[in-house]
Amino acid sequence: MAISNEDYQAFNQYNAQLSSIGTQRNQMRMLIDTTKNAIEEMKESKEETAYKNLGFVMLKVDKAKLIKDLEGEIETLNIRIKTLEKTEESISKKANELQAKFKAEMAKENNAKKE
């Protein structure tokens, strides 16, 4: 049950993926919070129209439609976060299995040195 270079590489790759997923998830949560704040501001506004950013163009749209679109974006982001969490769980499980393998191998080597 020796530890191979592939095991170390996989473990490092898993940790890098977990870090990336965490960053993505945090960015999506911040975007959700920002979008929710924008929705609340629009709901409080007396205006019936708002401007939607379409890349290099700002388009005047019906406020109710824009709010509905933004709420749909929030739903999409929540689904993406759930997908990331499932992926994170799977990768974390694999990383933990390798870590347990490393610990077992180190304990085995320590016991062999004591004898």
Protein backbone atom coordinates (compact mmCIF):
# COMPACT_ATOMS: atom_id res chain seq x y z
CA MET A 1 0.00 0.00 0.00
CA ALA A 2 2.79 2.40 -0.89
CA ILE A 3 1.98 5.98 -1.69
CA SER A 4 2.66 6.88 -5.29
CA ASN A 5 3.46 10.18 -6.96
CA GLU A 6 0.05 9.93 -8.61
CA ASP A 7 -1.55 9.88 -5.16
CA TYR A 8 0.29 13.06 -4.15
CA GLN A 9 -0.57 14.74 -7.43
CA ALA A 10 -4.23 13.75 -7.13
CA PHE A 11 -4.35 15.02 -3.55
CA ASN A 12 -2.86 18.37 -4.56
CA GLN A 13 -5.25 18.59 -7.51
CA TYR A 14 -8.24 17.86 -5.27
CA ASN A 15 -7.20 20.61 -2.88
CA ALA A 16 -6.76 23.08 -5.74
CA GLN A 17 -10.21 22.17 -7.07
CA LEU A 18 -11.75 22.59 -3.61
CA SER A 19 -10.19 26.04 -3.32
CA SER A 20 -11.48 27.04 -6.75
CA ILE A 21 -14.98 25.77 -6.00
CA GLY A 22 -15.05 27.70 -2.73
CA THR A 23 -14.06 30.88 -4.53
CA GLN A 24 -16.71 30.37 -7.22
CA ARG A 25 -19.37 29.67 -4.63
CA ASN A 26 -18.48 32.83 -2.68
CA GLN A 27 -18.57 34.93 -5.86
CA MET A 28 -22.02 33.57 -6.73
CA ARG A 29 -23.31 34.29 -3.22
CA MET A 30 -22.03 37.87 -3.45
CA LEU A 31 -23.74 38.23 -6.84
CA ILE A 32 -26.98 36.92 -5.35
CA ASP A 33 -26.75 39.45 -2.50
CA THR A 34 -26.05 42.30 -4.92
CA THR A 35 -28.94 41.24 -7.15
CA LYS A 36 -31.32 41.00 -4.19
CA ASN A 37 -30.31 44.51 -3.14
CA ALA A 38 -30.95 45.80 -6.67
CA ILE A 39 -34.39 44.16 -6.68
CA GLU A 40 -35.27 45.78 -3.34
CA GLU A 41 -34.15 49.20 -4.59
CA MET A 42 -36.24 48.81 -7.75
CA LYS A 43 -39.30 47.74 -5.75
CA GLU A 44 -38.98 50.85 -3.58
CA SER A 45 -38.61 53.11 -6.62
CA LYS A 46 -41.62 54.99 -7.97
CA GLU A 47 -40.32 54.64 -11.53
CA GLU A 48 -42.03 52.20 -13.89
CA THR A 49 -38.91 51.61 -15.98
CA ALA A 50 -35.28 50.83 -15.27
CA TYR A 51 -32.11 50.36 -17.26
CA LYS A 52 -30.64 46.96 -17.97
CA ASN A 53 -26.96 46.62 -18.78
CA LEU A 54 -26.43 44.59 -21.96
CA GLY A 55 -22.67 44.68 -22.35
CA PHE A 56 -21.82 48.03 -23.90
CA VAL A 57 -25.47 49.09 -24.16
CA MET A 58 -27.98 50.22 -21.57
CA LEU A 59 -31.56 49.35 -22.45
CA LYS A 60 -34.63 50.94 -20.87
CA VAL A 61 -37.01 48.15 -19.81
CA ASP A 62 -40.17 47.66 -17.78
CA LYS A 63 -39.22 47.50 -14.11
CA ALA A 64 -41.51 44.53 -13.35
CA LYS A 65 -39.97 42.51 -16.19
CA LEU A 66 -36.45 43.35 -15.03
CA ILE A 67 -37.28 42.30 -11.48
CA LYS A 68 -38.65 38.99 -12.79
CA ASP A 69 -35.49 38.47 -14.89
CA LEU A 70 -33.25 39.19 -11.90
CA GLU A 71 -35.21 36.79 -9.70
CA GLY A 72 -34.69 34.15 -12.40
CA GLU A 73 -30.96 34.85 -12.34
CA ILE A 74 -30.96 34.33 -8.57
CA GLU A 75 -32.66 30.96 -9.02
CA THR A 76 -30.08 29.98 -11.64
CA LEU A 77 -27.22 31.00 -9.35
CA ASN A 78 -28.71 29.00 -6.47
CA ILE A 79 -28.87 25.91 -8.71
CA ARG A 80 -25.24 26.46 -9.74
CA ILE A 81 -24.24 26.78 -6.08
CA LYS A 82 -25.97 23.48 -5.26
CA THR A 83 -24.14 21.81 -8.16
CA LEU A 84 -20.82 23.20 -6.91
CA GLU A 85 -21.60 21.95 -3.40
CA LYS A 86 -22.25 18.43 -4.72
CA THR A 87 -19.01 18.53 -6.68
CA GLU A 88 -17.19 19.87 -3.63
CA GLU A 89 -18.59 17.06 -1.50
CA SER A 90 -17.41 14.42 -3.98
CA ILE A 91 -13.92 15.89 -4.30
CA SER A 92 -13.64 16.36 -0.55
CA LYS A 93 -14.50 12.70 -0.02
CA LYS A 94 -11.76 11.64 -2.44
CA ALA A 95 -9.23 13.96 -0.80
CA ASN A 96 -10.14 12.62 2.65
CA GLU A 97 -9.70 9.04 1.43
CA LEU A 98 -6.22 9.85 0.16
CA GLN A 99 -5.37 11.68 3.36
CA ALA A 100 -6.42 8.61 5.37
CA LYS A 101 -4.23 6.49 3.10
CA PHE A 102 -1.28 8.82 3.73
CA LYS A 103 -1.81 8.69 7.50
CA ALA A 104 -2.08 4.90 7.49
CA GLU A 105 1.12 4.58 5.46
CA MET A 106 2.96 7.00 7.75
CA ALA A 107 1.79 5.10 10.83
CA LYS A 108 2.93 1.85 9.22
CA GLU A 109 6.36 3.34 8.52
CA ASN A 110 6.64 4.72 12.07
CA ASN A 111 5.78 1.30 13.52
CA ALA A 112 8.36 -0.36 11.28
CA LYS A 113 11.04 2.09 12.50
CA LYS A 114 10.21 1.34 16.15
CA GLU A 115 10.76 -2.37 15.69
